[in-house]
Amino acid sequence: MKEELRKRIEVCAYLMAEAEGFPPGRENDFWVMAEAKVMSELAAEAKKATRSAPRVKGTEPACAAPADAPKPRRTLRAKVATADGGSSAAGTPATATTTKAPAGGRGSRSTKRTPSRGSST
């Protein structure tokens, strides 16, 4: 296993150095960077492998909550409409609707009066 790990780090360091044009005196820098990258990849692979591993019936994770512990309450988030009619900053859709006044009804009279036809000015 150690030989495979060393080879993987070596290849990674070579590719990093090649990408930067093999600058002289930076071999150790590339090795350290490659080592960190390979180790983080191995940790991610191990984490993924433990997630997908089937559980044995009757076993619980070590950090499981006790059975008699109360469940946390869910809270409602306020849904707020933004000025442009889009969604709110929290990512929840706007629920408020706007209504327009009728276009030609009695509520749209202007205050300026025009003279009637029969009057002379």
Foldseek 3Di string as FASTA:
>chain_A
DVVVLVVQLVVQLVVVCVVVPNDPPCSVVSSVVSNVVSVVVVVVVVVVVVVPDDDDPPDDDPPDDDPPDDDDDDDDDDFDADPVRAGDPVPHHHDDDDDDDDDDDPVPDDPDDDDDPPDDD
